[in-house]
C-alpha atoms as a PDB file:
ATOM      1  CA  UNK A   1     -16.000  11.030  20.267  1.00  0.00           C
ATOM      2  CA  UNK A   2     -16.164  12.413  16.749  1.00  0.00           C
ATOM      3  CA  UNK A   3     -19.310  12.124  14.591  1.00  0.00           C
ATOM      4  CA  UNK A   4     -19.151   9.040  12.531  1.00  0.00           C
ATOM      5  CA  UNK A   5     -19.008   9.309   8.637  1.00  0.00           C
ATOM      6  CA  UNK A   6     -22.111   8.377   6.584  1.00  0.00           C
ATOM      7  CA  UNK A   7     -22.323   4.640   5.667  1.00  0.00           C
ATOM      8  CA  UNK A   8     -19.540   3.641   8.320  1.00  0.00           C
ATOM      9  CA  UNK A   9     -19.422   0.002   8.929  1.00  0.00           C
ATOM     10  CA  UNK A  10     -18.434  -1.305  12.467  1.00  0.00           C
ATOM     11  CA  UNK A  11     -16.658  -4.581  12.843  1.00  0.00           C
ATOM     12  CA  UNK A  12     -17.285  -5.727  16.540  1.00  0.00           C
ATOM     13  CA  UNK A  13     -14.947  -8.581  17.974  1.00  0.00           C
ATOM     14  CA  UNK A  14     -15.494 -10.009  21.294  1.00  0.00           C
ATOM     15  CA  UNK A  15     -12.488 -11.736  22.934  1.00  0.00           C
ATOM     16  CA  UNK A  16     -11.703 -14.042  25.884  1.00  0.00           C
ATOM     17  CA  UNK A  17      -8.159 -15.346  26.293  1.00  0.00           C
ATOM     18  CA  UNK A  18      -7.405 -14.853  22.593  1.00  0.00           C
ATOM     19  CA  UNK A  19      -3.828 -14.118  22.827  1.00  0.00           C
ATOM     20  CA  UNK A  20      -2.811 -16.892  20.907  1.00  0.00           C
ATOM     21  CA  UNK A  21      -5.254 -16.312  17.801  1.00  0.00           C
ATOM     22  CA  UNK A  22      -6.289 -12.781  17.750  1.00  0.00           C
ATOM     23  CA  UNK A  23      -3.254 -11.231  15.940  1.00  0.00           C
ATOM     24  CA  UNK A  24      -3.999 -12.830  12.608  1.00  0.00           C
ATOM     25  CA  UNK A  25      -7.546 -12.017  12.793  1.00  0.00           C
ATOM     26  CA  UNK A  26      -7.069  -8.322  13.437  1.00  0.00           C
ATOM     27  CA  UNK A  27      -4.614  -8.272  10.705  1.00  0.00           C
ATOM     28  CA  UNK A  28      -6.964  -9.912   8.260  1.00  0.00           C
ATOM     29  CA  UNK A  29      -9.855  -7.628   9.160  1.00  0.00           C
ATOM     30  CA  UNK A  30      -7.865  -4.364   9.013  1.00  0.00           C
ATOM     31  CA  UNK A  31      -6.243  -5.479   5.634  1.00  0.00           C
ATOM     32  CA  UNK A  32      -9.560  -6.486   4.094  1.00  0.00           C
ATOM     33  CA  UNK A  33     -11.440  -3.088   5.185  1.00  0.00           C
ATOM     34  CA  UNK A  34      -8.794  -1.128   3.760  1.00  0.00           C
ATOM     35  CA  UNK A  35      -8.949  -3.076   0.549  1.00  0.00           C
ATOM     36  CA  UNK A  36     -12.864  -2.376   0.529  1.00  0.00           C
ATOM     37  CA  UNK A  37     -12.032   1.397   0.408  1.00  0.00           C
ATOM     38  CA  UNK A  38     -15.242   2.401   2.441  1.00  0.00           C
ATOM     39  CA  UNK A  39     -15.568   4.168   6.008  1.00  0.00           C
ATOM     40  CA  UNK A  40     -15.157   1.560   8.670  1.00  0.00           C
ATOM     41  CA  UNK A  41     -14.071   0.917  12.095  1.00  0.00           C
ATOM     42  CA  UNK A  42     -12.964  -1.975  14.340  1.00  0.00           C
ATOM     43  CA  UNK A  43     -14.335  -2.234  17.880  1.00  0.00           C
ATOM     44  CA  UNK A  44     -12.332  -5.020  19.943  1.00  0.00           C
ATOM     45  CA  UNK A  45     -14.028  -6.058  23.419  1.00  0.00           C
ATOM     46  CA  UNK A  46     -12.196  -8.117  25.955  1.00  0.00           C
ATOM     47  CA  UNK A  47     -14.334  -9.965  28.246  1.00  0.00           C
ATOM     48  CA  UNK A  48     -11.868  -9.938  31.269  1.00  0.00           C
ATOM     49  CA  UNK A  49      -9.143 -12.170  29.774  1.00  0.00           C
ATOM     50  CA  UNK A  50      -6.696 -13.450  32.058  1.00  0.00           C
ATOM     51  CA  UNK A  51      -4.068 -13.809  29.449  1.00  0.00           C
ATOM     52  CA  UNK A  52      -2.264 -11.313  27.312  1.00  0.00           C
ATOM     53  CA  UNK A  53      -5.246 -10.446  25.033  1.00  0.00           C
ATOM     54  CA  UNK A  54      -5.172  -6.810  25.828  1.00  0.00           C
ATOM     55  CA  UNK A  55      -1.359  -6.146  25.717  1.00  0.00           C
ATOM     56  CA  UNK A  56      -1.468  -8.249  22.332  1.00  0.00           C
ATOM     57  CA  UNK A  57      -3.996  -5.722  20.685  1.00  0.00           C
ATOM     58  CA  UNK A  58      -2.759  -2.613  21.816  1.00  0.00           C
ATOM     59  CA  UNK A  59      -0.298  -2.022  19.051  1.00  0.00           C
ATOM     60  CA  UNK A  60      -3.270  -2.089  16.439  1.00  0.00           C
ATOM     61  CA  UNK A  61      -5.239   0.634  18.496  1.00  0.00           C
ATOM     62  CA  UNK A  62      -5.591   4.090  16.772  1.00  0.00           C
ATOM     63  CA  UNK A  63      -7.785   6.858  16.692  1.00  0.00           C
ATOM     64  CA  UNK A  64      -6.087   8.877  13.923  1.00  0.00           C
ATOM     65  CA  UNK A  65      -7.721   7.206  11.022  1.00  0.00           C
ATOM     66  CA  UNK A  66      -5.821   4.924   8.764  1.00  0.00           C
ATOM     67  CA  UNK A  67      -7.166   5.080   5.153  1.00  0.00           C
ATOM     68  CA  UNK A  68     -10.742   4.093   5.090  1.00  0.00           C
ATOM     69  CA  UNK A  69     -10.394   2.737   8.625  1.00  0.00           C
ATOM     70  CA  UNK A  70     -11.619   5.639  10.999  1.00  0.00           C
ATOM     71  CA  UNK A  71     -10.456   3.960  14.322  1.00  0.00           C
ATOM     72  CA  UNK A  72      -9.307   0.763  16.077  1.00  0.00           C
ATOM     73  CA  UNK A  73     -10.780   0.778  19.670  1.00  0.00           C
ATOM     74  CA  UNK A  74     -10.776  -1.393  22.653  1.00  0.00           C
ATOM     75  CA  UNK A  75     -13.247  -1.681  25.379  1.00  0.00           C
ATOM     76  CA  UNK A  76     -12.818  -4.196  28.124  1.00  0.00           C
ATOM     77  CA  UNK A  77     -14.582  -5.602  31.326  1.00  0.00           C
ATOM     78  CA  UNK A  78     -12.295  -6.065  34.320  1.00  0.00           C
ATOM     79  CA  UNK A  79     -13.938  -9.291  35.181  1.00  0.00           C
ATOM     80  CA  UNK A  80     -15.438 -11.738  33.027  1.00  0.00           C
ATOM     81  CA  UNK A  81     -19.052 -11.502  32.000  1.00  0.00           C
ATOM     82  CA  UNK A  82     -19.665 -13.597  28.925  1.00  0.00           C
ATOM     83  CA  UNK A  83     -19.833 -13.440  25.289  1.00  0.00           C
ATOM     84  CA  UNK A  84     -23.355 -12.024  25.150  1.00  0.00           C
ATOM     85  CA  UNK A  85     -22.076  -9.040  27.638  1.00  0.00           C
ATOM     86  CA  UNK A  86     -18.986  -8.476  25.401  1.00  0.00           C
ATOM     87  CA  UNK A  87     -21.012  -8.194  22.244  1.00  0.00           C
ATOM     88  CA  UNK A  88     -23.540  -5.801  23.710  1.00  0.00           C
ATOM     89  CA  UNK A  89     -20.764  -3.588  24.847  1.00  0.00           C
ATOM     90  CA  UNK A  90     -19.335  -3.660  21.216  1.00  0.00           C
ATOM     91  CA  UNK A  91     -22.567  -2.983  19.744  1.00  0.00           C
ATOM     92  CA  UNK A  92     -23.048   0.054  22.130  1.00  0.00           C
ATOM     93  CA  UNK A  93     -19.443   1.377  21.361  1.00  0.00           C
ATOM     94  CA  UNK A  94     -19.776   1.039  17.765  1.00  0.00           C
ATOM     95  CA  UNK A  95     -21.020   4.043  15.559  1.00  0.00           C
ATOM     96  CA  UNK A  96     -21.532   2.590  12.159  1.00  0.00           C
ATOM     97  CA  UNK A  97     -24.997   2.520  10.243  1.00  0.00           C
ATOM     98  CA  UNK A  98     -24.405  -1.222  10.194  1.00  0.00           C
ATOM     99  CA  UNK A  99     -22.460  -3.297  12.783  1.00  0.00           C
ATOM    100  CA  UNK A 100     -20.991  -6.644  12.203  1.00  0.00           C
ATOM    101  CA  UNK A 101     -20.443  -8.993  15.105  1.00  0.00           C
ATOM    102  CA  UNK A 102     -17.598 -11.610  14.193  1.00  0.00           C
ATOM    103  CA  UNK A 103     -15.626 -14.153  16.057  1.00  0.00           C
ATOM    104  CA  UNK A 104     -12.118 -13.701  17.294  1.00  0.00           C
ATOM    105  CA  UNK A 105     -11.182 -17.075  15.505  1.00  0.00           C
ATOM    106  CA  UNK A 106     -11.833 -15.623  12.028  1.00  0.00           C
ATOM    107  CA  UNK A 107     -13.957 -18.646  11.227  1.00  0.00           C
ATOM    108  CA  UNK A 108     -15.980 -16.460   9.022  1.00  0.00           C
ATOM    109  CA  UNK A 109     -13.743 -13.783   7.568  1.00  0.00           C
ATOM    110  CA  UNK A 110     -14.785 -10.238   7.398  1.00  0.00           C
ATOM    111  CA  UNK A 111     -14.811 -10.501   3.540  1.00  0.00           C
ATOM    112  CA  UNK A 112     -17.967 -12.366   4.087  1.00  0.00           C
ATOM    113  CA  UNK A 113     -19.718  -9.342   5.019  1.00  0.00           C
ATOM    114  CA  UNK A 114     -20.313  -7.988   1.572  1.00  0.00           C
ATOM    115  CA  UNK A 115     -22.659 -11.134   1.286  1.00  0.00           C
ATOM    116  CA  UNK A 116     -24.844  -9.771   4.277  1.00  0.00           C
ATOM    117  CA  UNK A 117     -24.548  -6.148   3.172  1.00  0.00           C
ATOM    118  CA  UNK A 118     -26.224  -6.995  -0.248  1.00  0.00           C
ATOM    119  CA  UNK A 119     -29.321  -7.600   1.828  1.00  0.00           C
ATOM    120  CA  UNK A 120     -29.023  -4.581   4.176  1.00  0.00           C
ATOM    121  CA  UNK A 121     -31.974  -2.272   3.833  1.00  0.00           C
ATOM    122  CA  UNK A 122     -34.677  -0.354   5.812  1.00  0.00           C
ATOM    123  CA  UNK A 123     -36.841  -3.685   5.943  1.00  0.00           C
ATOM    124  CA  UNK A 124     -34.268  -5.781   7.318  1.00  0.00           C
ATOM    125  CA  UNK A 125     -32.760  -5.193  10.780  1.00  0.00           C
ATOM    126  CA  UNK A 126     -30.469  -8.198  11.111  1.00  0.00           C
ATOM    127  CA  UNK A 127     -28.877 -10.036   8.575  1.00  0.00           C
ATOM    128  CA  UNK A 128     -27.596 -13.270   9.958  1.00  0.00           C
ATOM    129  CA  UNK A 129     -24.642 -15.200   8.493  1.00  0.00           C
ATOM    130  CA  UNK A 130     -25.426 -18.894   8.421  1.00  0.00           C
ATOM    131  CA  UNK A 131     -23.902 -22.151   7.896  1.00  0.00           C
ATOM    132  CA  UNK A 132     -27.152 -23.657   6.853  1.00  0.00           C
ATOM    133  CA  UNK A 133     -28.753 -21.328   4.476  1.00  0.00           C
ATOM    134  CA  UNK A 134     -28.231 -21.560   0.754  1.00  0.00           C
ATOM    135  CA  UNK A 135     -24.845 -20.861  -0.621  1.00  0.00           C
ATOM    136  CA  UNK A 136     -23.038 -21.673   2.666  1.00  0.00           C
ATOM    137  CA  UNK A 137     -19.640 -23.226   2.340  1.00  0.00           C
ATOM    138  CA  UNK A 138     -18.613 -24.976   5.753  1.00  0.00           C
ATOM    139  CA  UNK A 139     -15.480 -27.039   6.740  1.00  0.00           C
ATOM    140  CA  UNK A 140     -16.480 -28.384  10.231  1.00  0.00           C
ATOM    141  CA  UNK A 141     -15.665 -31.248  12.264  1.00  0.00           C
ATOM    142  CA  UNK A 142     -18.422 -34.228  12.329  1.00  0.00           C
ATOM    143  CA  UNK A 143     -18.666 -34.100  16.102  1.00  0.00           C
ATOM    144  CA  UNK A 144     -19.525 -30.474  16.085  1.00  0.00           C
ATOM    145  CA  UNK A 145     -21.963 -30.913  13.118  1.00  0.00           C
ATOM    146  CA  UNK A 146     -23.671 -33.448  15.245  1.00  0.00           C
ATOM    147  CA  UNK A 147     -23.869 -31.230  18.491  1.00  0.00           C
ATOM    148  CA  UNK A 148     -25.125 -28.525  16.136  1.00  0.00           C
ATOM    149  CA  UNK A 149     -27.859 -30.610  14.876  1.00  0.00           C
ATOM    150  CA  UNK A 150     -29.264 -31.683  18.267  1.00  0.00           C
ATOM    151  CA  UNK A 151     -29.155 -28.130  19.674  1.00  0.00           C
ATOM    152  CA  UNK A 152     -31.362 -27.113  16.362  1.00  0.00           C
ATOM    153  CA  UNK A 153     -33.735 -30.025  17.329  1.00  0.00           C
ATOM    154  CA  UNK A 154     -34.017 -28.858  20.942  1.00  0.00           C
ATOM    155  CA  UNK A 155     -34.866 -25.432  19.723  1.00  0.00           C
ATOM    156  CA  UNK A 156     -37.403 -26.532  17.515  1.00  0.00           C
ATOM    157  CA  UNK A 157     -39.075 -28.487  20.372  1.00  0.00           C
ATOM    158  CA  UNK A 158     -38.965 -25.475  22.566  1.00  0.00           C
ATOM    159  CA  UNK A 159     -40.870 -23.737  19.676  1.00  0.00           C
ATOM    160  CA  UNK A 160     -37.877 -21.260  18.805  1.00  0.00           C
ATOM    161  CA  UNK A 161     -37.944 -21.301  15.098  1.00  0.00           C
ATOM    162  CA  UNK A 162     -35.808 -18.317  14.715  1.00  0.00           C
ATOM    163  CA  UNK A 163     -33.242 -19.227  12.035  1.00  0.00           C
ATOM    164  CA  UNK A 164     -31.831 -22.315  10.598  1.00  0.00           C
ATOM    165  CA  UNK A 165     -28.526 -21.553  12.118  1.00  0.00           C
ATOM    166  CA  UNK A 166     -28.959 -19.306  15.194  1.00  0.00           C
ATOM    167  CA  UNK A 167     -25.408 -19.569  16.554  1.00  0.00           C
ATOM    168  CA  UNK A 168     -23.157 -18.594  13.808  1.00  0.00           C
ATOM    169  CA  UNK A 169     -20.913 -15.899  15.038  1.00  0.00           C
ATOM    170  CA  UNK A 170     -21.180 -13.580  12.040  1.00  0.00           C
ATOM    171  CA  UNK A 171     -24.169 -11.306  12.258  1.00  0.00           C
ATOM    172  CA  UNK A 172     -24.985  -7.757  10.801  1.00  0.00           C
ATOM    173  CA  UNK A 173     -27.107  -5.410  12.868  1.00  0.00           C
ATOM    174  CA  UNK A 174     -28.822  -2.122  11.570  1.00  0.00           C
ATOM    175  CA  UNK A 175     -27.795   0.753  13.905  1.00  0.00           C
ATOM    176  CA  UNK A 176     -31.156   1.154  15.503  1.00  0.00           C
ATOM    177  CA  UNK A 177     -31.492  -2.676  16.021  1.00  0.00           C
ATOM    178  CA  UNK A 178     -28.052  -2.728  17.666  1.00  0.00           C
ATOM    179  CA  UNK A 179     -28.840   0.112  20.107  1.00  0.00           C
ATOM    180  CA  UNK A 180     -31.921  -1.644  21.183  1.00  0.00           C
ATOM    181  CA  UNK A 181     -30.306  -4.716  21.857  1.00  0.00           C
ATOM    182  CA  UNK A 182     -27.473  -3.058  23.508  1.00  0.00           C
ATOM    183  CA  UNK A 183     -29.999  -1.364  25.795  1.00  0.00           C
ATOM    184  CA  UNK A 184     -32.529  -4.114  26.428  1.00  0.00           C
ATOM    185  CA  UNK A 185     -30.633  -7.379  26.134  1.00  0.00           C
ATOM    186  CA  UNK A 186     -29.909  -9.557  29.358  1.00  0.00           C
ATOM    187  CA  UNK A 187     -28.378 -12.571  28.080  1.00  0.00           C
ATOM    188  CA  UNK A 188     -24.603 -12.623  28.900  1.00  0.00           C
ATOM    189  CA  UNK A 189     -23.578 -16.242  27.937  1.00  0.00           C
ATOM    190  CA  UNK A 190     -23.891 -18.161  24.697  1.00  0.00           C
ATOM    191  CA  UNK A 191     -27.511 -17.998  24.120  1.00  0.00           C
ATOM    192  CA  UNK A 192     -27.315 -14.469  23.523  1.00  0.00           C
ATOM    193  CA  UNK A 193     -27.861 -14.918  19.766  1.00  0.00           C
ATOM    194  CA  UNK A 194     -31.270 -16.303  20.394  1.00  0.00           C
ATOM    195  CA  UNK A 195     -32.200 -13.216  22.424  1.00  0.00           C
ATOM    196  CA  UNK A 196     -30.922 -10.957  19.618  1.00  0.00           C
ATOM    197  CA  UNK A 197     -33.328 -12.810  17.070  1.00  0.00           C
ATOM    198  CA  UNK A 198     -36.171 -12.453  19.135  1.00  0.00           C
ATOM    199  CA  UNK A 199     -35.569  -8.947  20.135  1.00  0.00           C
ATOM    200  CA  UNK A 200     -35.116  -8.088  16.457  1.00  0.00           C
ATOM    201  CA  UNK A 201     -38.433  -9.545  15.723  1.00  0.00           C
ATOM    202  CA  UNK A 202     -40.120  -7.772  18.336  1.00  0.00           C
ATOM    203  CA  UNK A 203     -38.889  -4.367  17.170  1.00  0.00           C
ATOM    204  CA  UNK A 204     -41.113  -5.234  13.913  1.00  0.00           C
ATOM    205  CA  UNK A 205     -38.330  -5.654  11.533  1.00  0.00           C
ATOM    206  CA  UNK A 206     -37.027  -8.670   9.508  1.00  0.00           C
ATOM    207  CA  UNK A 207     -34.192 -11.132  10.160  1.00  0.00           C
ATOM    208  CA  UNK A 208     -32.635 -12.267   7.026  1.00  0.00           C
ATOM    209  CA  UNK A 209     -30.410 -15.428   6.752  1.00  0.00           C
ATOM    210  CA  UNK A 210     -27.412 -15.564   4.250  1.00  0.00           C
ATOM    211  CA  UNK A 211     -25.296 -18.373   3.465  1.00  0.00           C
ATOM    212  CA  UNK A 212     -21.508 -17.751   4.208  1.00  0.00           C
ATOM    213  CA  UNK A 213     -18.188 -19.397   4.156  1.00  0.00           C
ATOM    214  CA  UNK A 214     -17.033 -20.766   7.482  1.00  0.00           C
ATOM    215  CA  UNK A 215     -14.334 -23.063   8.429  1.00  0.00           C
ATOM    216  CA  UNK A 216     -13.576 -24.597  12.015  1.00  0.00           C
ATOM    217  CA  UNK A 217     -10.689 -23.234  13.886  1.00  0.00           C
ATOM    218  CA  UNK A 218      -9.070 -25.197  16.694  1.00  0.00           C
ATOM    219  CA  UNK A 219      -8.595 -23.476  20.170  1.00  0.00           C
ATOM    220  CA  UNK A 220     -12.172 -22.644  20.995  1.00  0.00           C
ATOM    221  CA  UNK A 221     -13.143 -21.878  24.654  1.00  0.00           C
ATOM    222  CA  UNK A 222     -16.456 -23.330  24.066  1.00  0.00           C
ATOM    223  CA  UNK A 223     -17.305 -26.969  25.267  1.00  0.00           C
ATOM    224  CA  UNK A 224     -19.673 -28.546  22.719  1.00  0.00           C
ATOM    225  CA  UNK A 225     -21.307 -30.749  25.624  1.00  0.00           C
ATOM    226  CA  UNK A 226     -20.894 -28.729  28.819  1.00  0.00           C
ATOM    227  CA  UNK A 227     -21.763 -25.288  27.101  1.00  0.00           C
ATOM    228  CA  UNK A 228     -24.180 -27.060  24.997  1.00  0.00           C
ATOM    229  CA  UNK A 229     -26.218 -28.151  27.950  1.00  0.00           C
ATOM    230  CA  UNK A 230     -25.951 -24.555  29.641  1.00  0.00           C
ATOM    231  CA  UNK A 231     -27.111 -23.157  26.297  1.00  0.00           C
ATOM    232  CA  UNK A 232     -30.208 -25.441  26.249  1.00  0.00           C
ATOM    233  CA  UNK A 233     -31.049 -24.213  29.915  1.00  0.00           C
ATOM    234  CA  UNK A 234     -30.728 -20.629  28.596  1.00  0.00           C
ATOM    235  CA  UNK A 235     -32.825 -21.245  25.571  1.00  0.00           C
ATOM    236  CA  UNK A 236     -35.594 -22.691  27.940  1.00  0.00           C
ATOM    237  CA  UNK A 237     -35.322 -19.594  30.134  1.00  0.00           C
ATOM    238  CA  UNK A 238     -35.684 -17.388  27.136  1.00  0.00           C
ATOM    239  CA  UNK A 239     -38.596 -19.232  25.963  1.00  0.00           C
ATOM    240  CA  UNK A 240     -40.432 -19.159  29.184  1.00  0.00           C
ATOM    241  CA  UNK A 241     -39.639 -15.437  29.649  1.00  0.00           C
ATOM    242  CA  UNK A 242     -41.374 -14.932  26.341  1.00  0.00           C
ATOM    243  CA  UNK A 243     -44.357 -16.638  27.634  1.00  0.00           C
ATOM    244  CA  UNK A 244     -44.438 -14.366  30.806  1.00  0.00           C
ATOM    245  CA  UNK A 245     -43.622 -17.361  32.996  1.00  0.00           C
ATOM    246  CA  UNK A 246     -40.221 -16.235  34.124  1.00  0.00           C
ATOM    247  CA  UNK A 247     -39.327 -12.654  35.234  1.00  0.00           C
ATOM    248  CA  UNK A 248     -36.362 -10.603  33.697  1.00  0.00           C
ATOM    249  CA  UNK A 249     -33.303 -10.860  35.876  1.00  0.00           C
ATOM    250  CA  UNK A 250     -31.576  -7.399  36.713  1.00  0.00           C
ATOM    251  CA  UNK A 251     -29.129  -6.195  34.117  1.00  0.00           C
ATOM    252  CA  UNK A 252     -25.513  -6.536  35.235  1.00  0.00           C
ATOM    253  CA  UNK A 253     -24.530  -3.604  33.622  1.00  0.00           C
ATOM    254  CA  UNK A 254     -25.875  -1.767  36.643  1.00  0.00           C
ATOM    255  CA  UNK A 255     -23.061  -3.116  38.604  1.00  0.00           C
ATOM    256  CA  UNK A 256     -20.332  -2.742  35.928  1.00  0.00           C
ATOM    257  CA  UNK A 257     -19.622  -0.966  32.695  1.00  0.00           C
ATOM    258  CA  UNK A 258     -16.817  -1.711  30.294  1.00  0.00           C
ATOM    259  CA  UNK A 259     -13.846   0.655  30.254  1.00  0.00           C
ATOM    260  CA  UNK A 260     -12.637   2.270  26.984  1.00  0.00           C
ATOM    261  CA  UNK A 261      -8.884   1.606  26.587  1.00  0.00           C
ATOM    262  CA  UNK A 262      -7.187   4.687  24.984  1.00  0.00           C
ATOM    263  CA  UNK A 263      -4.383   4.372  22.452  1.00  0.00           C
ATOM    264  CA  UNK A 264      -1.298   3.860  24.366  1.00  0.00           C
ATOM    265  CA  UNK A 265      -3.055   1.645  26.862  1.00  0.00           C
ATOM    266  CA  UNK A 266      -4.585   3.968  29.439  1.00  0.00           C
ATOM    267  CA  UNK A 267      -8.308   3.079  30.494  1.00  0.00           C
ATOM    268  CA  UNK A 268     -11.161   5.554  31.143  1.00  0.00           C
END
């Protein structure tokens, strides 16, 4: 792998069965990054999709550089591991000084990254896009707002006062923080955001929350009720581990590492 240019921005997009939605997202990301005219790369991560997600994104892959975009690359798990594992794989594969994690549904467009980068400095390790912070513009369904509020109240009850909006899928990591999370993180499912915020704080660096524009997109793989209950259980486990009540489980990466998909479709 060639050395990354200075001030490279990495955009990490985890995917799971996103063949129906991923093309307009990738097109928008590439077009926006080209318009920014600063060095960037796109790291797509497939979490063992059983549809045509991998085949759908392969035409976008390049390692030759295209204007300001240094590469568009794909790594994938053979079997589904969970969004948290996919994000860690993407953060590890990325080379940027700052590494943005954004959702495949494009609910928050990559153009919002400039709001986060305005707060990126040596004192801040993670800039979290937020649907609750000042300046946020949100178009969301009433039911999802309600389930989100219930989750926030439950986190407060657990003593996890990490951010106004812990679960927004738009976070910017400083390179050293991204690499530490990729190395030490263990949460594979949807509670990984909580772990990332906690690990950032334990590294002795700040988390900054910034309001962004966000809109609901249909077709999510997440069930607000079923997955919400699982997330609360995982949040409780995270909290108990922080007290030393529960031991850390073994890291699944010891069993399976993601494979990089080369331009043209082969894996290595």
